[in-house]
Amino acid sequence: MRLTVQISPLPLLLCIAMSGMAQTDNVAAGAWTQVDRSDPLHQTSFKEFTLTGKFLVAPRQSNLAAPILVLHCQPGPHRVGKSQTNGYFVEGWIATGAVLDSAKPRAWDSAKLASTLNDLVSVEYRLDDKKLQSEWWPKSTDHSGVFLDDVRLDNLLYGHLLWHKEGTGPQITRIMLGVPEYLAVQIQMEFDLPDSTEVANACGVILHKR
């Protein structure tokens, strides 16, 4: 797994996203929006990219009309061996606005494992109608969303778990994803991805020759 740089600790997912949600709710699904953000305490800046999706199976109860994919990335040259990226990934998440169900530990699991499972959510997803993938992703502290890391972002944008080499293969154009809602059925959502080259570059997904 690649090393990422965290700009600042962000404990509550909905609190983080709240400042951008008003404008995001008015943006049509399938269009990336971009906002410049600053972190005065740590004297850094970054870009916030947001993509609004749609619910295929809506939550029983949610404070969002549609799911939102949020990425925080910092553009700029970032050396990777003999190559480089044009940015790096800071953090990202998918917000549903509903209460998600944690993994359920078994009676014989150790206390440590049970504690770890309580922080994870079962995620199923399909990229461009290819095979169904199943993983455990960290959930937000308010239980309403799941967090991404740089490797998961690589997979969601280009369908593989490593940096995407410049000029090789097309990007993913559709993400279908399911997460369990607490005391309800699985929430299913879809994100239609437009050209995401700018986002992928700013987030350090594309590997360039130096």
Protein backbone atom coordinates (compact mmCIF):
# COMPACT_ATOMS: atom_id res chain seq x y z
CA MET A 1 0.00 0.00 0.00
CA ARG A 2 1.36 3.41 -0.91
CA LEU A 3 2.25 6.09 1.59
CA THR A 4 -0.21 8.97 1.62
CA VAL A 5 0.04 12.34 3.33
CA GLN A 6 -2.74 13.45 5.64
CA ILE A 7 -3.30 17.19 5.82
CA SER A 8 -5.39 17.27 8.94
CA PRO A 9 -7.47 14.88 11.11
CA LEU A 10 -11.13 14.89 10.12
CA PRO A 11 -13.19 12.96 12.64
CA LEU A 12 -16.77 13.37 11.40
CA LEU A 13 -17.55 12.71 7.75
CA LEU A 14 -20.73 14.73 7.51
CA CYS A 15 -19.17 17.70 9.25
CA ILE A 16 -16.37 17.65 6.69
CA ALA A 17 -18.70 17.52 3.74
CA MET A 18 -21.33 19.95 5.03
CA SER A 19 -19.67 23.07 3.62
CA GLY A 20 -19.85 21.70 0.08
CA MET A 21 -23.13 19.81 0.18
CA ALA A 22 -25.42 22.74 -0.58
CA GLN A 23 -23.77 23.33 -3.93
CA THR A 24 -23.22 19.60 -4.59
CA ASP A 25 -26.92 18.80 -4.20
CA ASN A 26 -27.62 21.16 -7.11
CA VAL A 27 -25.09 19.54 -9.45
CA ALA A 28 -26.30 16.91 -11.90
CA ALA A 29 -25.11 13.37 -11.35
CA GLY A 30 -22.05 12.47 -13.42
CA ALA A 31 -20.24 15.84 -13.26
CA TRP A 32 -17.11 16.46 -11.18
CA THR A 33 -17.07 19.70 -9.20
CA GLN A 34 -13.87 21.26 -7.90
CA VAL A 35 -13.27 23.61 -4.97
CA ASP A 36 -9.99 24.99 -3.63
CA ARG A 37 -9.69 24.41 0.11
CA SER A 38 -7.18 25.69 2.66
CA ASP A 39 -5.99 24.42 6.01
CA PRO A 40 -4.78 27.53 7.91
CA LEU A 41 -3.63 25.58 10.96
CA HIS A 42 -1.24 23.39 8.94
CA GLN A 43 -0.57 26.10 6.31
CA THR A 44 -1.52 23.86 3.42
CA SER A 45 -4.06 23.87 0.62
CA PHE A 46 -5.75 21.16 -1.40
CA LYS A 47 -8.49 20.58 -3.94
CA GLU A 48 -11.82 19.02 -3.10
CA PHE A 49 -13.41 17.05 -5.93
CA THR A 50 -17.03 15.94 -5.61
CA LEU A 51 -19.13 13.65 -7.75
CA THR A 52 -22.85 13.16 -7.15
CA GLY A 53 -24.27 9.73 -7.93
CA LYS A 54 -27.75 8.26 -7.70
CA PHE A 55 -29.40 5.66 -5.50
CA LEU A 56 -30.47 2.48 -7.28
CA VAL A 57 -31.87 1.10 -4.03
CA ALA A 58 -32.41 4.11 -1.79
CA PRO A 59 -31.79 4.09 1.97
CA ARG A 60 -34.80 3.71 4.21
CA GLN A 61 -33.75 6.94 5.92
CA SER A 62 -31.11 9.40 4.72
CA ASN A 63 -30.38 13.10 4.95
CA LEU A 64 -28.96 13.11 1.40
CA ALA A 65 -30.96 13.02 -1.82
CA ALA A 66 -28.08 11.23 -3.58
CA PRO A 67 -24.76 9.61 -2.63
CA ILE A 68 -21.64 11.78 -2.86
CA LEU A 69 -18.06 10.79 -3.68
CA VAL A 70 -15.58 13.26 -2.15
CA LEU A 71 -11.82 13.39 -2.77
CA HIS A 72 -9.21 15.65 -1.16
CA CYS A 73 -6.03 15.84 -3.22
CA GLN A 74 -2.98 18.09 -3.46
CA PRO A 75 -1.70 18.77 -6.99
CA GLY A 76 2.03 19.09 -7.58
CA PRO A 77 5.01 16.94 -8.61
CA HIS A 78 5.41 13.89 -6.41
CA ARG A 79 8.37 11.62 -7.07
CA VAL A 80 7.80 7.87 -7.38
CA GLY A 81 11.12 6.14 -8.07
CA LYS A 82 12.14 7.02 -11.62
CA SER A 83 8.65 8.30 -12.36
CA GLN A 84 6.36 10.90 -10.84
CA THR A 85 2.74 11.77 -10.27
CA ASN A 86 1.24 15.23 -10.64
CA GLY A 87 -0.28 15.18 -7.16
CA TYR A 88 -1.13 12.90 -4.27
CA PHE A 89 -4.22 11.61 -2.58
CA VAL A 90 -4.97 12.96 0.89
CA GLU A 91 -8.31 11.35 1.78
CA GLY A 92 -11.68 10.45 0.34
CA TRP A 93 -15.04 8.96 1.20
CA ILE A 94 -18.48 8.07 -0.11
CA ALA A 95 -21.31 9.64 1.89
CA THR A 96 -24.77 8.05 1.93
CA GLY A 97 -26.47 10.12 4.64
CA ALA A 98 -27.82 6.89 6.17
CA VAL A 99 -26.69 4.80 9.14
CA LEU A 100 -24.55 1.94 7.84
CA ASP A 101 -24.31 -1.48 9.43
CA SER A 102 -20.93 -2.60 10.77
CA ALA A 103 -19.42 -6.02 10.25
CA LYS A 104 -20.85 -8.55 12.69
CA PRO A 105 -18.22 -10.39 14.78
CA ARG A 106 -18.80 -14.04 15.58
CA ALA A 107 -19.07 -15.31 19.15
CA TRP A 108 -15.62 -16.92 19.00
CA ASP A 109 -13.79 -13.90 17.55
CA SER A 110 -11.24 -12.28 19.83
CA ALA A 111 -12.09 -8.98 21.45
CA LYS A 112 -9.44 -7.24 19.35
CA LEU A 113 -10.84 -8.62 16.10
CA ALA A 114 -14.40 -7.80 17.14
CA SER A 115 -13.33 -4.21 17.83
CA THR A 116 -11.72 -4.00 14.39
CA LEU A 117 -14.79 -5.40 12.64
CA ASN A 118 -16.96 -2.76 14.30
CA ASP A 119 -15.00 -0.14 12.33
CA LEU A 120 -15.57 -1.82 8.97
CA VAL A 121 -18.44 -2.05 6.49
CA SER A 122 -19.04 -4.75 3.90
CA VAL A 123 -18.79 -3.14 0.45
CA GLU A 124 -19.73 -4.78 -2.85
CA TYR A 125 -19.02 -3.04 -6.13
CA ARG A 126 -18.94 -3.60 -9.87
CA LEU A 127 -16.84 -1.56 -12.31
CA ASP A 128 -18.18 -1.17 -15.87
CA ASP A 129 -20.39 -4.29 -15.57
CA LYS A 130 -17.41 -6.52 -14.79
CA LYS A 131 -17.25 -9.09 -12.01
CA LEU A 132 -18.62 -8.26 -8.56
CA GLN A 133 -15.94 -7.38 -5.99
CA SER A 134 -16.36 -7.62 -2.21
CA GLU A 135 -14.20 -5.91 0.41
CA TRP A 136 -14.27 -4.45 3.93
CA TRP A 137 -13.87 -0.66 4.00
CA PRO A 138 -13.46 1.63 7.04
CA LYS A 139 -16.64 3.44 8.00
CA SER A 140 -16.93 7.04 9.12
CA THR A 141 -17.29 7.81 12.80
CA ASP A 142 -20.92 8.87 12.28
CA HIS A 143 -21.63 5.55 10.46
CA SER A 144 -22.96 7.35 7.36
CA GLY A 145 -20.17 6.71 4.87
CA VAL A 146 -17.11 4.69 3.93
CA PHE A 147 -13.53 5.88 3.54
CA LEU A 148 -11.28 5.34 0.54
CA ASP A 149 -7.52 4.99 0.40
CA ASP A 150 -5.23 5.60 -2.57
CA VAL A 151 -5.26 1.96 -3.69
CA ARG A 152 -9.07 1.77 -3.70
CA LEU A 153 -9.18 5.04 -5.64
CA ASP A 154 -6.83 3.57 -8.28
CA ASN A 155 -9.21 0.63 -8.64
CA LEU A 156 -12.37 2.76 -8.83
CA LEU A 157 -10.92 5.03 -11.52
CA TYR A 158 -8.94 2.54 -13.63
CA GLY A 159 -9.80 -0.96 -12.49
CA HIS A 160 -6.47 -1.98 -10.96
CA LEU A 161 -4.73 -1.64 -7.60
CA LEU A 162 -1.56 0.16 -8.73
CA TRP A 163 -0.79 3.54 -10.22
CA HIS A 164 -2.20 3.95 -13.72
CA LYS A 165 0.59 4.35 -16.27
CA GLU A 166 0.09 7.33 -18.54
CA GLY A 167 -1.42 6.42 -21.91
CA THR A 168 -2.37 2.85 -21.02
CA GLY A 169 -5.96 1.65 -21.02
CA PRO A 170 -9.24 3.53 -20.57
CA GLN A 171 -10.70 4.75 -17.32
CA ILE A 172 -13.74 3.26 -15.59
CA THR A 173 -16.97 4.95 -16.66
CA ARG A 174 -19.47 3.47 -14.19
CA ILE A 175 -19.27 2.38 -10.57
CA MET A 176 -22.11 0.39 -8.96
CA LEU A 177 -21.66 -0.01 -5.23
CA GLY A 178 -23.64 -1.53 -2.35
CA VAL A 179 -23.35 -1.04 1.42
CA PRO A 180 -25.60 -2.37 4.21
CA GLU A 181 -27.96 0.02 5.96
CA TYR A 182 -28.56 -0.62 9.66
CA LEU A 183 -31.80 -2.60 10.17
CA ALA A 184 -32.64 -2.30 6.47
CA VAL A 185 -31.70 -3.72 3.08
CA GLN A 186 -28.51 -3.02 1.18
CA ILE A 187 -28.14 0.53 -0.16
CA GLN A 188 -27.17 0.39 -3.84
CA MET A 189 -25.80 3.36 -5.74
CA GLU A 190 -24.26 4.29 -9.05
CA PHE A 191 -21.67 6.86 -10.10
CA ASP A 192 -21.27 7.69 -13.80
CA LEU A 193 -17.75 8.98 -14.32
CA PRO A 194 -17.05 11.65 -16.94
CA ASP A 195 -13.48 12.24 -18.13
CA SER A 196 -11.58 12.02 -14.83
CA THR A 197 -8.04 12.71 -16.06
CA GLU A 198 -7.73 15.99 -14.16
CA VAL A 199 -8.96 14.37 -10.96
CA ALA A 200 -6.69 11.36 -11.40
CA ASN A 201 -3.67 13.60 -11.97
CA ALA A 202 -4.34 15.83 -8.96
CA CYS A 203 -4.88 12.76 -6.79
CA GLY A 204 -1.65 11.05 -7.85
CA VAL A 205 -3.35 8.15 -9.61
CA ILE A 206 -1.56 8.55 -12.98
CA LEU A 207 2.13 7.69 -13.17
CA HIS A 208 4.21 9.81 -15.58
CA LYS A 209 7.72 9.29 -16.88
CA ARG A 210 10.12 11.89 -15.56
